[in-house]
Amino acid sequence: MSKLADDANFFATRAQLSVTPLPFLEAHAALRYQTTSDNQPTRRVIPIAGDTVFGVKAFLPAKSRRIYAFGGGLALGLLTPTDSVGVAAANVDLHLDASIDLTQPAPTSRIPLRGYLNLGYFFDNSGVIADDIESHRASVLGSPQTLTRVERFSYGINRMDAFKWGIGAEGAFDFVRPFAEWTMDVPVNRQGYTCTSKFLSVGDQCLAHDGKFSSSARFLPGLKKN
């Protein structure tokens, strides 16, 4: 029997603002609205309104002929409940950033290369939203219930934290700047979540039961013209 493909649609709006009150400090805030629809298992539209992010970044002020730089930041994401206003959960995103710029020495000895390194950890507490929904459904239906994969995507729910890292390089030539970056998010089960395959919805799965390790890796090459 053939499986029907998902017919999914996603629309989002982001409003963002950042200020730099000091030469080494940046503060930022963002607000998101989004709507997701999917025809599996039935046609449904799931809206999210009012999720807010506040953050701050601190970094080493620029200095002539310095070849290194480093900094870090913190972002707090406030997640709204699915059926009311307020704050249902808060995510915390921490990151450290470093770079080396070999173009800074005198032109006779400069090397047209810049390198970048990022490390971070994302405390994802969005599973609290799933717990509230699943507990309500279980009390009504009389049996354990789990959110579908479509609902988790729509609400932005993840049961895992993520350790994040990335490296990159950029060629600082006169006319073009080739670059490449590699980033990866490694899941961390800080909250001790156990996936139970017995209660999963159609099309869902437990990665641990299937002997799979899930990480999100991205490689991006590119070319910029000066």
Foldseek 3Di string as FASTA:
>chain_A
DDDDDKDKDKDKDKDKDKDDPDQFKIKMKMFMKMWMFIPVPHTDIAIAGGWMKIKMKGWDHDDALAFKIKIKMKMKIFGAARPDGDGQDIKMKIKIKMKGAQQRPDPVRGAQKMKIKMWIKIRAPLCSNQVVVQVVVCVVVVHGAGDAPRVCVRRVHDQWIWIKMKMKMWGRDDWKIKMKMKMKTFTDNPVPDDDDPVRYDPPDDDQVVVVHGDMDMDMDIDMGTD
